[in-house]
Amino acid sequence: MSLPSRGEIELGRRIQQARMGVNLTQRQLSSELGILQKWISGIENGQHHHYKDFVKRICEALGVERDDEWVESPTRPVDGDDS
């Protein structure tokens, strides 16, 4: 398994914040989207790749406006070394 990119981690963080902002649990959001709760967890932790159409569905379910910044992600993995 490859390390998540900075963009994947940031996207997961934004999704988690938006979900918590509307007082939904991962289980409630996953049920609304028709997916397993572990996928929401993986997305929020940057462990699953994010596809634009899926991010759009999540944003719609959370009632947040998605912009391209939400889905852009650098390809460089986060490895603790910026050199």
N, C-alpha and C. Protein backbone atom coordinates (compact mmCIF):
# COMPACT_ATOMS: atom_id res chain seq x y z
N MET A 1 0.85 -1.18 0.00
CA MET A 1 0.00 0.00 0.00
C MET A 1 0.89 1.24 0.00
N SER A 2 0.59 2.17 -0.87
CA SER A 2 1.40 3.39 -0.94
C SER A 2 0.93 4.39 0.11
N LEU A 3 1.84 5.28 0.45
CA LEU A 3 1.51 6.34 1.41
C LEU A 3 0.56 7.33 0.78
N PRO A 4 -0.35 7.89 1.55
CA PRO A 4 -1.28 8.89 0.99
C PRO A 4 -0.54 10.18 0.66
N SER A 5 -1.02 10.86 -0.35
CA SER A 5 -0.44 12.15 -0.72
C SER A 5 -0.94 13.21 0.25
N ARG A 6 -0.28 14.34 0.24
CA ARG A 6 -0.72 15.47 1.07
C ARG A 6 -2.16 15.86 0.72
N GLY A 7 -2.47 15.84 -0.55
CA GLY A 7 -3.82 16.20 -1.00
C GLY A 7 -4.87 15.23 -0.49
N GLU A 8 -4.55 13.93 -0.48
CA GLU A 8 -5.50 12.94 0.02
C GLU A 8 -5.75 13.13 1.52
N ILE A 9 -4.69 13.43 2.25
CA ILE A 9 -4.83 13.67 3.68
C ILE A 9 -5.66 14.92 3.93
N GLU A 10 -5.38 15.98 3.20
CA GLU A 10 -6.12 17.24 3.37
C GLU A 10 -7.59 17.06 2.98
N LEU A 11 -7.84 16.35 1.90
CA LEU A 11 -9.21 16.11 1.47
C LEU A 11 -9.97 15.32 2.54
N GLY A 12 -9.34 14.30 3.06
CA GLY A 12 -9.97 13.51 4.12
C GLY A 12 -10.28 14.35 5.34
N ARG A 13 -9.37 15.24 5.69
CA ARG A 13 -9.57 16.13 6.84
C ARG A 13 -10.76 17.06 6.59
N ARG A 14 -10.84 17.59 5.39
CA ARG A 14 -11.96 18.50 5.05
C ARG A 14 -13.29 17.77 5.08
N ILE A 15 -13.30 16.55 4.56
CA ILE A 15 -14.53 15.76 4.56
C ILE A 15 -14.95 15.46 6.00
N GLN A 16 -13.99 15.09 6.83
CA GLN A 16 -14.30 14.80 8.23
C GLN A 16 -14.86 16.04 8.93
N GLN A 17 -14.24 17.18 8.71
CA GLN A 17 -14.72 18.42 9.33
C GLN A 17 -16.14 18.75 8.87
N ALA A 18 -16.39 18.59 7.58
CA ALA A 18 -17.73 18.88 7.05
C ALA A 18 -18.75 17.91 7.62
N ARG A 19 -18.38 16.64 7.71
CA ARG A 19 -19.29 15.64 8.27
C ARG A 19 -19.62 15.95 9.73
N MET A 20 -18.61 16.27 10.49
CA MET A 20 -18.82 16.58 11.89
C MET A 20 -19.59 17.89 12.05
N GLY A 21 -19.41 18.80 11.11
CA GLY A 21 -20.11 20.08 11.15
C GLY A 21 -21.61 19.97 10.98
N VAL A 22 -22.04 18.88 10.34
CA VAL A 22 -23.48 18.66 10.19
C VAL A 22 -23.96 17.54 11.12
N ASN A 23 -23.13 17.21 12.10
CA ASN A 23 -23.47 16.23 13.14
C ASN A 23 -23.86 14.87 12.59
N LEU A 24 -23.10 14.39 11.60
CA LEU A 24 -23.31 13.04 11.08
C LEU A 24 -22.18 12.14 11.55
N THR A 25 -22.51 10.91 11.86
CA THR A 25 -21.48 9.92 12.14
C THR A 25 -21.01 9.33 10.81
N GLN A 26 -19.89 8.65 10.85
CA GLN A 26 -19.43 7.96 9.64
C GLN A 26 -20.48 6.95 9.19
N ARG A 27 -21.09 6.27 10.13
CA ARG A 27 -22.11 5.27 9.81
C ARG A 27 -23.32 5.91 9.12
N GLN A 28 -23.75 7.06 9.63
CA GLN A 28 -24.90 7.75 9.02
C GLN A 28 -24.57 8.20 7.60
N LEU A 29 -23.37 8.76 7.40
CA LEU A 29 -22.98 9.21 6.07
C LEU A 29 -22.85 8.04 5.11
N SER A 30 -22.23 6.96 5.58
CA SER A 30 -22.07 5.79 4.72
C SER A 30 -23.41 5.20 4.32
N SER A 31 -24.35 5.20 5.26
CA SER A 31 -25.69 4.70 4.96
C SER A 31 -26.38 5.56 3.91
N GLU A 32 -26.23 6.88 4.05
CA GLU A 32 -26.83 7.79 3.08
C GLU A 32 -26.23 7.60 1.68
N LEU A 33 -24.94 7.28 1.64
CA LEU A 33 -24.26 7.11 0.35
C LEU A 33 -24.35 5.67 -0.18
N GLY A 34 -24.78 4.75 0.67
CA GLY A 34 -24.88 3.36 0.24
C GLY A 34 -23.54 2.66 0.16
N ILE A 35 -22.63 3.03 1.05
CA ILE A 35 -21.31 2.40 1.08
C ILE A 35 -21.01 1.94 2.51
N LEU A 36 -19.94 1.18 2.67
CA LEU A 36 -19.55 0.71 3.99
C LEU A 36 -18.91 1.84 4.80
N GLN A 37 -19.13 1.81 6.11
CA GLN A 37 -18.56 2.81 7.01
C GLN A 37 -17.04 2.83 6.92
N LYS A 38 -16.43 1.66 6.72
CA LYS A 38 -14.96 1.62 6.67
C LYS A 38 -14.41 2.42 5.50
N TRP A 39 -15.21 2.62 4.44
CA TRP A 39 -14.75 3.45 3.32
C TRP A 39 -14.70 4.92 3.72
N ILE A 40 -15.69 5.37 4.48
CA ILE A 40 -15.67 6.75 4.97
C ILE A 40 -14.45 6.94 5.86
N SER A 41 -14.22 6.00 6.75
CA SER A 41 -13.06 6.07 7.63
C SER A 41 -11.77 6.13 6.82
N GLY A 42 -11.66 5.28 5.83
CA GLY A 42 -10.46 5.26 4.99
C GLY A 42 -10.26 6.55 4.22
N ILE A 43 -11.35 7.11 3.73
CA ILE A 43 -11.27 8.38 3.00
C ILE A 43 -10.81 9.49 3.95
N GLU A 44 -11.41 9.53 5.13
CA GLU A 44 -11.05 10.57 6.09
C GLU A 44 -9.61 10.44 6.57
N ASN A 45 -9.07 9.24 6.52
CA ASN A 45 -7.69 9.01 6.95
C ASN A 45 -6.71 9.01 5.79
N GLY A 46 -7.18 9.34 4.58
CA GLY A 46 -6.31 9.40 3.42
C GLY A 46 -5.87 8.05 2.91
N GLN A 47 -6.54 6.98 3.30
CA GLN A 47 -6.14 5.63 2.93
C GLN A 47 -6.78 5.14 1.64
N HIS A 48 -7.85 5.77 1.21
CA HIS A 48 -8.53 5.39 -0.02
C HIS A 48 -8.37 6.53 -1.02
N HIS A 49 -8.19 6.16 -2.27
CA HIS A 49 -8.09 7.18 -3.32
C HIS A 49 -9.47 7.82 -3.51
N HIS A 50 -9.46 9.08 -3.86
CA HIS A 50 -10.70 9.83 -4.01
C HIS A 50 -10.94 10.09 -5.49
N TYR A 51 -12.10 9.78 -5.94
CA TYR A 51 -12.48 10.04 -7.30
C TYR A 51 -13.43 11.22 -7.32
N LYS A 52 -13.29 12.07 -8.33
CA LYS A 52 -14.05 13.31 -8.38
C LYS A 52 -15.55 13.09 -8.21
N ASP A 53 -16.10 12.08 -8.88
CA ASP A 53 -17.55 11.87 -8.79
C ASP A 53 -17.95 11.41 -7.39
N PHE A 54 -17.11 10.65 -6.73
CA PHE A 54 -17.41 10.20 -5.38
C PHE A 54 -17.32 11.35 -4.39
N VAL A 55 -16.31 12.20 -4.54
CA VAL A 55 -16.19 13.37 -3.67
C VAL A 55 -17.41 14.27 -3.87
N LYS A 56 -17.87 14.38 -5.09
CA LYS A 56 -19.07 15.18 -5.36
C LYS A 56 -20.26 14.62 -4.59
N ARG A 57 -20.43 13.31 -4.58
CA ARG A 57 -21.54 12.68 -3.84
C ARG A 57 -21.43 12.95 -2.35
N ILE A 58 -20.21 12.87 -1.82
CA ILE A 58 -20.00 13.12 -0.39
C ILE A 58 -20.37 14.57 -0.07
N CYS A 59 -19.87 15.50 -0.89
CA CYS A 59 -20.15 16.93 -0.65
C CYS A 59 -21.65 17.21 -0.73
N GLU A 60 -22.33 16.61 -1.68
CA GLU A 60 -23.77 16.79 -1.80
C GLU A 60 -24.48 16.26 -0.56
N ALA A 61 -24.05 15.10 -0.07
CA ALA A 61 -24.68 14.51 1.12
C ALA A 61 -24.44 15.38 2.35
N LEU A 62 -23.30 16.06 2.39
CA LEU A 62 -22.96 16.91 3.54
C LEU A 62 -23.48 18.33 3.38
N GLY A 63 -23.98 18.66 2.19
CA GLY A 63 -24.49 20.00 1.95
C GLY A 63 -23.40 21.05 1.85
N VAL A 64 -22.22 20.64 1.38
CA VAL A 64 -21.13 21.60 1.21
C VAL A 64 -20.82 21.75 -0.27
N GLU A 65 -20.36 22.93 -0.63
CA GLU A 65 -20.00 23.18 -2.01
C GLU A 65 -18.58 22.70 -2.26
N ARG A 66 -18.41 21.92 -3.28
CA ARG A 66 -17.10 21.39 -3.63
C ARG A 66 -16.50 22.27 -4.71
N ASP A 67 -15.23 22.58 -4.53
CA ASP A 67 -14.51 23.25 -5.61
C ASP A 67 -13.36 22.34 -6.03
N ASP A 68 -12.68 22.71 -7.10
CA ASP A 68 -11.61 21.86 -7.61
C ASP A 68 -10.49 21.66 -6.60
N GLU A 69 -10.34 22.59 -5.67
CA GLU A 69 -9.31 22.47 -4.65
C GLU A 69 -9.54 21.22 -3.79
N TRP A 70 -10.79 20.83 -3.64
CA TRP A 70 -11.11 19.65 -2.83
C TRP A 70 -10.58 18.37 -3.45
N VAL A 71 -10.46 18.34 -4.76
CA VAL A 71 -10.07 17.08 -5.41
C VAL A 71 -8.69 17.09 -6.01
N GLU A 72 -8.03 18.23 -6.02
CA GLU A 72 -6.65 18.26 -6.50
C GLU A 72 -5.76 17.67 -5.43
N SER A 73 -4.86 16.78 -5.82
CA SER A 73 -3.96 16.22 -4.82
C SER A 73 -2.59 16.00 -5.44
N PRO A 74 -1.55 16.47 -4.76
CA PRO A 74 -0.21 16.22 -5.26
C PRO A 74 0.08 14.73 -5.23
N THR A 75 0.95 14.29 -6.11
CA THR A 75 1.24 12.86 -6.18
C THR A 75 2.34 12.45 -5.21
N ARG A 76 3.07 13.42 -4.66
CA ARG A 76 4.16 13.09 -3.74
C ARG A 76 3.60 12.59 -2.41
N PRO A 77 3.99 11.39 -1.98
CA PRO A 77 3.48 10.87 -0.71
C PRO A 77 4.01 11.65 0.48
N VAL A 78 3.28 11.59 1.56
CA VAL A 78 3.71 12.18 2.80
C VAL A 78 4.61 11.17 3.50
N ASP A 79 5.87 11.53 3.63
CA ASP A 79 6.79 10.58 4.24
C ASP A 79 7.61 11.21 5.34
N GLY A 80 7.28 12.43 5.70
CA GLY A 80 8.00 13.10 6.76
C GLY A 80 9.30 13.74 6.32
N ASP A 81 9.62 13.66 5.05
CA ASP A 81 10.86 14.23 4.55
C ASP A 81 10.55 15.18 3.43
N ASP A 82 10.81 16.45 3.63
CA ASP A 82 10.51 17.45 2.62
C ASP A 82 11.68 17.74 1.69
N SER A 83 12.75 17.00 1.80
CA SER A 83 13.91 17.28 0.95
C SER A 83 13.83 16.57 -0.38
